[in-house]
């Protein structure tokens, strides 16, 4: 690698890191009310610089151009400067080094940015925090993978401390804020998630979710950390999972989208599929929490039996769907 290319690559990496750290700093600032908007804009910049650095190092031209003849004709901005690939263009390249789940996460954030860039959307900071967390972790992972441990942000990131205990009442407050989210953004989130497979939707690179449980310290040093990481195969982990699902079973049974399809097909409607389902929930505003057809848990939508019963009743009455089933 020539000295010039190396220098340009390093400059892009440093700019990228600065944008990423600024995004996290603003999001974790308790005095900031513009968290989601600032986080997305700055991380789009950070990822764009990161991929530009990668393409520069690989000698891949990341400028927009046409080839009307034998020479490149570069696309220019209104001020006359050459136009470089935006993040979505960087992600669309076959040479893009990111995995599909990380790309899904970024495409979601780009689309969300387009939805909110002209209007402040209240309630998103907590509602989509799992996707923001995944974005930050993915960034640090690829920063190290593509350019080495020396660029790591491990020492710059820390857990954001809380002024209130994480309990049922706090989670209910977060849940109540979902009603503040504009309908167009709720529809965007639901439609994007609906386009993903189960594997993609549940990937920790798309949305990073944690289950918190209060543990009474029984040994020295155990009470000194807010979060303790444990082996998922340990007895403690098995106990936590058991306690969580027992509580869940006492509530309403929950179904993922594919499970809904299966239940409806069991009722005799063998042709019922994704297209009809999407049309039904959108036309009936079924993901509006007030209607009680389902619930969002850490960014994943689960349907209740009430929604399955509604679909079966709807189809049994012979009502037609406007889209192909």
Protein backbone atom coordinates (compact mmCIF):
# COMPACT_ATOMS: atom_id res chain seq x y z
CA UNK A 1 0.00 0.00 0.00
CA UNK A 2 1.42 3.37 -0.98
CA UNK A 3 2.08 6.04 1.62
CA UNK A 4 -0.66 8.25 0.13
CA UNK A 5 -3.32 5.52 0.24
CA UNK A 6 -2.32 4.57 3.79
CA UNK A 7 -2.55 8.19 4.91
CA UNK A 8 -5.99 8.65 3.31
CA UNK A 9 -7.22 5.39 4.84
CA UNK A 10 -6.10 6.40 8.35
CA UNK A 11 -7.69 9.84 8.00
CA UNK A 12 -11.01 8.26 7.02
CA UNK A 13 -10.84 5.81 9.95
CA UNK A 14 -10.18 8.59 12.46
CA UNK A 15 -13.08 10.66 11.10
CA UNK A 16 -15.26 7.57 11.27
CA UNK A 17 -14.35 6.90 14.91
CA UNK A 18 -14.99 10.52 15.86
CA UNK A 19 -18.49 10.37 14.38
CA UNK A 20 -19.24 7.04 16.11
CA UNK A 21 -18.07 8.26 19.51
CA UNK A 22 -20.08 11.45 19.12
CA UNK A 23 -23.19 9.38 18.33
CA UNK A 24 -22.82 7.27 21.47
CA UNK A 25 -21.96 10.28 23.63
CA UNK A 26 -25.06 12.17 22.51
CA UNK A 27 -27.32 9.14 22.91
CA UNK A 28 -26.09 8.49 26.46
CA UNK A 29 -26.37 12.14 27.49
CA UNK A 30 -29.39 12.43 29.84
CA UNK A 31 -29.82 16.09 28.88
CA UNK A 32 -30.25 15.32 25.17
CA UNK A 33 -33.76 14.91 23.80
CA UNK A 34 -32.69 14.53 20.17
CA UNK A 35 -31.12 11.09 20.69
CA UNK A 36 -32.44 8.94 17.85
CA UNK A 37 -32.00 11.58 15.15
CA UNK A 38 -28.43 12.44 16.22
CA UNK A 39 -27.44 8.79 16.70
CA UNK A 40 -28.60 7.72 13.24
CA UNK A 41 -27.15 10.70 11.36
CA UNK A 42 -23.74 10.40 13.04
CA UNK A 43 -23.57 6.63 12.69
CA UNK A 44 -24.50 6.81 9.00
CA UNK A 45 -21.52 9.17 8.63
CA UNK A 46 -19.32 6.85 10.70
CA UNK A 47 -20.18 3.76 8.65
CA UNK A 48 -19.78 5.67 5.39
CA UNK A 49 -16.27 6.79 6.33
CA UNK A 50 -15.45 3.28 7.54
CA UNK A 51 -16.43 1.68 4.24
CA UNK A 52 -14.72 4.43 2.26
CA UNK A 53 -11.54 3.60 4.19
CA UNK A 54 -11.97 -0.09 3.34
CA UNK A 55 -12.58 0.60 -0.35
CA UNK A 56 -9.64 3.01 -0.46
CA UNK A 57 -7.34 0.40 1.01
CA UNK A 58 -8.59 -2.13 -1.57
CA UNK A 59 -8.11 0.41 -4.40
CA UNK A 60 -11.84 0.30 -5.21
CA UNK A 61 -13.06 3.59 -6.67
CA UNK A 62 -15.95 4.77 -4.47
CA UNK A 63 -16.84 7.78 -6.55
CA UNK A 64 -19.95 8.01 -8.73
CA UNK A 65 -19.05 8.02 -12.41
CA UNK A 66 -20.27 7.10 -15.85
CA UNK A 67 -18.25 5.80 -18.80
CA UNK A 68 -19.65 7.41 -21.95
CA UNK A 69 -16.33 6.69 -23.64
CA UNK A 70 -13.08 5.11 -22.55
CA UNK A 71 -12.57 7.56 -19.68
CA UNK A 72 -14.56 7.95 -16.50
CA UNK A 73 -16.85 10.93 -16.22
CA UNK A 74 -17.35 11.72 -12.53
CA UNK A 75 -20.72 12.79 -11.16
CA UNK A 76 -20.41 16.10 -9.33
CA UNK A 77 -22.23 17.85 -6.51
CA UNK A 78 -23.85 21.28 -7.08
CA UNK A 79 -20.65 22.95 -5.81
CA UNK A 80 -18.57 21.12 -8.44
CA UNK A 81 -16.91 18.61 -6.09
CA UNK A 82 -16.87 14.91 -6.99
CA UNK A 83 -19.72 12.91 -5.48
CA UNK A 84 -18.72 9.92 -3.37
CA UNK A 85 -20.82 6.83 -2.63
CA UNK A 86 -23.37 7.27 0.13
CA UNK A 87 -23.82 4.49 2.69
CA UNK A 88 -26.58 2.69 0.82
CA UNK A 89 -24.42 2.54 -2.30
CA UNK A 90 -21.48 1.24 -0.25
CA UNK A 91 -23.71 -1.53 1.14
CA UNK A 92 -25.00 -2.53 -2.29
CA UNK A 93 -21.56 -3.44 -3.68
CA UNK A 94 -20.59 -7.09 -4.09
CA UNK A 95 -17.25 -6.17 -2.51
CA UNK A 96 -18.95 -4.89 0.68
CA UNK A 97 -17.28 -6.71 3.61
CA UNK A 98 -20.29 -6.64 5.97
CA UNK A 99 -22.51 -9.64 6.76
CA UNK A 100 -26.18 -9.60 5.75
CA UNK A 101 -27.48 -9.00 9.29
CA UNK A 102 -25.30 -5.92 9.77
CA UNK A 103 -26.43 -4.67 6.37
CA UNK A 104 -30.08 -5.22 7.37
CA UNK A 105 -29.51 -3.18 10.52
CA UNK A 106 -27.99 -0.30 8.55
CA UNK A 107 -30.63 -0.38 5.82
CA UNK A 108 -33.28 -0.18 8.52
CA UNK A 109 -31.58 2.87 10.10
CA UNK A 110 -31.18 4.57 6.71
CA UNK A 111 -34.87 4.09 6.01
CA UNK A 112 -35.77 5.32 9.49
CA UNK A 113 -33.63 8.41 8.93
CA UNK A 114 -35.58 9.13 5.76
CA UNK A 115 -38.83 8.83 7.71
CA UNK A 116 -37.84 11.24 10.49
CA UNK A 117 -35.46 13.70 8.83
CA UNK A 118 -38.18 16.37 8.45
CA UNK A 119 -40.18 15.59 11.57
CA UNK A 120 -39.21 14.75 15.15
CA UNK A 121 -40.50 11.33 16.17
CA UNK A 122 -41.14 10.95 19.90
CA UNK A 123 -40.88 7.61 21.65
CA UNK A 124 -38.23 6.00 19.43
CA UNK A 125 -35.24 6.31 21.77
CA UNK A 126 -36.28 3.38 23.99
CA UNK A 127 -38.47 1.58 21.46
CA UNK A 128 -35.64 0.89 19.00
CA UNK A 129 -32.69 0.85 21.41
CA UNK A 130 -31.90 -2.82 20.58
CA UNK A 131 -31.21 -1.83 16.97
CA UNK A 132 -29.08 1.15 17.99
CA UNK A 133 -27.09 -1.10 20.33
CA UNK A 134 -26.54 -3.60 17.52
CA UNK A 135 -25.36 -0.79 15.23
CA UNK A 136 -22.75 0.35 17.77
CA UNK A 137 -21.49 -3.18 18.52
CA UNK A 138 -21.36 -4.05 14.81
CA UNK A 139 -19.34 -0.92 14.14
CA UNK A 140 -16.70 -1.73 16.75
CA UNK A 141 -16.56 -5.34 15.52
CA UNK A 142 -15.87 -4.35 11.91
CA UNK A 143 -13.55 -1.52 12.91
CA UNK A 144 -11.30 -4.15 14.51
CA UNK A 145 -11.87 -6.85 11.90
CA UNK A 146 -11.09 -4.65 8.91
CA UNK A 147 -8.34 -2.46 10.34
CA UNK A 148 -6.95 -4.17 13.44
CA UNK A 149 -7.27 -4.07 17.22
CA UNK A 150 -5.30 -0.81 17.47
CA UNK A 151 -8.41 1.05 16.26
CA UNK A 152 -10.72 -0.63 18.78
CA UNK A 153 -13.26 1.42 20.73
CA UNK A 154 -13.40 -1.10 23.58
CA UNK A 155 -11.81 1.31 26.05
CA UNK A 156 -14.05 4.21 25.02
CA UNK A 157 -17.41 2.54 25.57
CA UNK A 158 -19.05 1.97 28.94
CA UNK A 159 -22.45 1.04 30.30
CA UNK A 160 -24.78 4.01 30.65
CA UNK A 161 -25.81 4.30 34.31
CA UNK A 162 -29.46 4.81 35.23
CA UNK A 163 -31.18 7.14 37.71
CA UNK A 164 -34.08 4.71 38.12
CA UNK A 165 -34.15 1.01 38.87
CA UNK A 166 -34.89 -1.28 35.94
CA UNK A 167 -38.22 -2.72 37.04
CA UNK A 168 -41.70 -3.44 35.75
CA UNK A 169 -42.92 0.13 36.22
CA UNK A 170 -40.01 1.54 34.21
CA UNK A 171 -40.56 -0.90 31.35
CA UNK A 172 -44.25 0.01 31.37
CA UNK A 173 -43.30 3.68 31.03
CA UNK A 174 -41.12 2.81 28.04
CA UNK A 175 -43.97 0.76 26.59
CA UNK A 176 -46.42 3.65 26.99
CA UNK A 177 -44.15 5.85 24.85
CA UNK A 178 -44.80 3.60 21.85
CA UNK A 179 -48.17 5.30 21.44
CA UNK A 180 -46.31 8.55 20.67
CA UNK A 181 -44.67 7.08 17.56
CA UNK A 182 -46.32 8.41 14.35
CA UNK A 183 -48.33 5.89 12.34
CA UNK A 184 -46.11 6.22 9.25
CA UNK A 185 -43.05 5.23 11.28
CA UNK A 186 -44.89 2.35 12.95
CA UNK A 187 -45.87 1.15 9.48
CA UNK A 188 -42.29 1.49 8.23
CA UNK A 189 -40.91 -0.54 11.16
CA UNK A 190 -43.53 -3.26 10.75
CA UNK A 191 -43.09 -3.47 6.96
CA UNK A 192 -39.30 -3.67 7.20
CA UNK A 193 -39.45 -6.40 9.85
CA UNK A 194 -42.08 -8.24 7.83
CA UNK A 195 -39.67 -8.39 4.89
CA UNK A 196 -37.05 -10.28 6.93
CA UNK A 197 -36.80 -14.00 7.58
CA UNK A 198 -37.00 -15.33 11.14
CA UNK A 199 -33.24 -15.82 11.18
CA UNK A 200 -32.61 -12.24 10.06
CA UNK A 201 -35.14 -10.75 12.48
CA UNK A 202 -33.65 -12.57 15.47
CA UNK A 203 -30.00 -11.94 14.63
CA UNK A 204 -28.12 -10.02 17.33
CA UNK A 205 -26.43 -8.04 14.55
CA UNK A 206 -29.84 -6.73 13.51
CA UNK A 207 -31.11 -6.01 17.04
CA UNK A 208 -29.10 -6.68 20.19
CA UNK A 209 -31.40 -7.64 23.06
CA UNK A 210 -30.60 -8.34 26.69
CA UNK A 211 -32.72 -9.94 29.39
CA UNK A 212 -32.19 -8.27 32.78
CA UNK A 213 -32.85 -10.04 36.05
CA UNK A 214 -32.07 -8.90 39.59
CA UNK A 215 -29.56 -11.16 41.38
CA UNK A 216 -28.83 -11.03 45.10
CA UNK A 217 -25.05 -11.15 45.53
CA UNK A 218 -23.85 -14.27 47.33
CA UNK A 219 -20.10 -14.02 46.95
CA UNK A 220 -17.41 -11.38 47.21
CA UNK A 221 -17.12 -9.07 44.23
CA UNK A 222 -20.38 -10.19 42.68
CA UNK A 223 -22.21 -7.00 43.69
CA UNK A 224 -19.71 -4.62 42.09
CA UNK A 225 -20.96 -4.80 38.49
CA UNK A 226 -24.25 -3.65 37.02
CA UNK A 227 -24.17 -6.47 34.47
CA UNK A 228 -22.63 -9.88 35.01
CA UNK A 229 -22.09 -12.10 31.97
CA UNK A 230 -22.64 -15.79 32.57
CA UNK A 231 -22.20 -18.99 30.60
CA UNK A 232 -25.46 -19.65 28.69
CA UNK A 233 -25.11 -23.36 29.56
CA UNK A 234 -24.68 -22.77 33.29
CA UNK A 235 -27.28 -23.69 35.90
CA UNK A 236 -27.89 -20.00 36.63
CA UNK A 237 -28.64 -19.30 32.98
CA UNK A 238 -31.04 -22.24 32.83
CA UNK A 239 -32.81 -20.96 35.93
CA UNK A 240 -33.13 -17.45 34.52
CA UNK A 241 -34.53 -18.73 31.24
CA UNK A 242 -36.96 -21.00 33.09
CA UNK A 243 -38.18 -18.16 35.30
CA UNK A 244 -38.62 -15.87 32.30
CA UNK A 245 -40.64 -18.32 30.23
CA UNK A 246 -42.78 -19.43 33.17
CA UNK A 247 -43.79 -15.80 33.64
CA UNK A 248 -44.40 -15.50 29.91
CA UNK A 249 -46.64 -18.56 29.83
CA UNK A 250 -48.87 -17.06 32.52
CA UNK A 251 -49.52 -14.21 30.12
CA UNK A 252 -51.12 -14.49 26.69
CA UNK A 253 -49.61 -17.03 24.26
CA UNK A 254 -47.54 -15.24 21.61
CA UNK A 255 -47.01 -16.14 17.95
CA UNK A 256 -44.42 -15.02 15.43
CA UNK A 257 -45.61 -14.26 11.91
CA UNK A 258 -44.88 -17.75 10.50
CA UNK A 259 -46.66 -19.35 13.43
CA UNK A 260 -49.73 -17.26 12.59
CA UNK A 261 -49.64 -18.61 9.02
CA UNK A 262 -49.50 -22.17 10.34
CA UNK A 263 -52.43 -21.68 12.72
CA UNK A 264 -54.59 -20.16 9.98
CA UNK A 265 -53.68 -22.98 7.59
CA UNK A 266 -54.64 -25.55 10.26
CA UNK A 267 -58.07 -23.89 10.32
CA UNK A 268 -58.51 -24.84 6.66
CA UNK A 269 -57.16 -21.84 4.78
CA UNK A 270 -54.17 -23.51 3.15
CA UNK A 271 -53.41 -20.66 0.74
CA UNK A 272 -53.05 -18.00 3.43
CA UNK A 273 -49.58 -16.41 3.21
CA UNK A 274 -47.40 -13.34 3.77
CA UNK A 275 -49.09 -11.07 1.23
CA UNK A 276 -52.59 -11.58 2.64
CA UNK A 277 -51.34 -11.30 6.21
CA UNK A 278 -49.55 -8.01 5.55
CA UNK A 279 -52.63 -6.60 3.86
CA UNK A 280 -54.87 -7.63 6.76
CA UNK A 281 -52.80 -6.18 9.58
CA UNK A 282 -52.13 -2.94 7.72
CA UNK A 283 -55.74 -2.41 6.64
CA UNK A 284 -56.93 -3.09 10.19
CA UNK A 285 -54.14 -1.18 11.96
CA UNK A 286 -53.53 -4.42 13.84
CA UNK A 287 -50.15 -3.39 15.24
CA UNK A 288 -51.71 -0.51 17.10
CA UNK A 289 -51.15 -1.62 20.76
CA UNK A 290 -54.54 -0.22 21.74
CA UNK A 291 -56.30 -2.94 19.71
CA UNK A 292 -54.66 -5.76 21.68
CA UNK A 293 -53.81 -7.99 18.72
CA UNK A 294 -50.15 -8.29 19.66
CA UNK A 295 -47.15 -6.85 21.42
CA UNK A 296 -43.62 -5.69 20.63
CA UNK A 297 -40.93 -7.30 22.76
CA UNK A 298 -37.44 -5.86 22.32
CA UNK A 299 -38.10 -4.93 18.71
CA UNK A 300 -39.82 -8.20 17.69
CA UNK A 301 -43.58 -8.24 17.11
CA UNK A 302 -45.58 -11.13 18.56
CA UNK A 303 -49.25 -11.80 17.73
CA UNK A 304 -51.87 -12.92 20.23
CA UNK A 305 -54.48 -15.63 19.69
CA UNK A 306 -56.99 -12.78 19.31
CA UNK A 307 -55.37 -11.85 15.98
CA UNK A 308 -55.43 -15.43 14.70
CA UNK A 309 -59.12 -15.67 15.63
CA UNK A 310 -59.78 -12.40 13.80
CA UNK A 311 -58.11 -13.69 10.61
CA UNK A 312 -60.00 -16.99 10.71
CA UNK A 313 -63.30 -15.19 11.31
CA UNK A 314 -62.52 -12.78 8.49
CA UNK A 315 -61.78 -15.59 6.04
CA UNK A 316 -64.71 -17.70 7.24
CA UNK A 317 -67.09 -14.89 6.44
CA UNK A 318 -65.91 -15.08 2.85
CA UNK A 319 -64.54 -11.56 2.81
CA UNK A 320 -62.22 -10.99 -0.12
CA UNK A 321 -58.70 -9.71 0.06
CA UNK A 322 -57.47 -7.03 -2.32
CA UNK A 323 -54.12 -8.76 -2.68
CA UNK A 324 -53.34 -12.24 -3.94
CA UNK A 325 -53.34 -14.79 -1.17
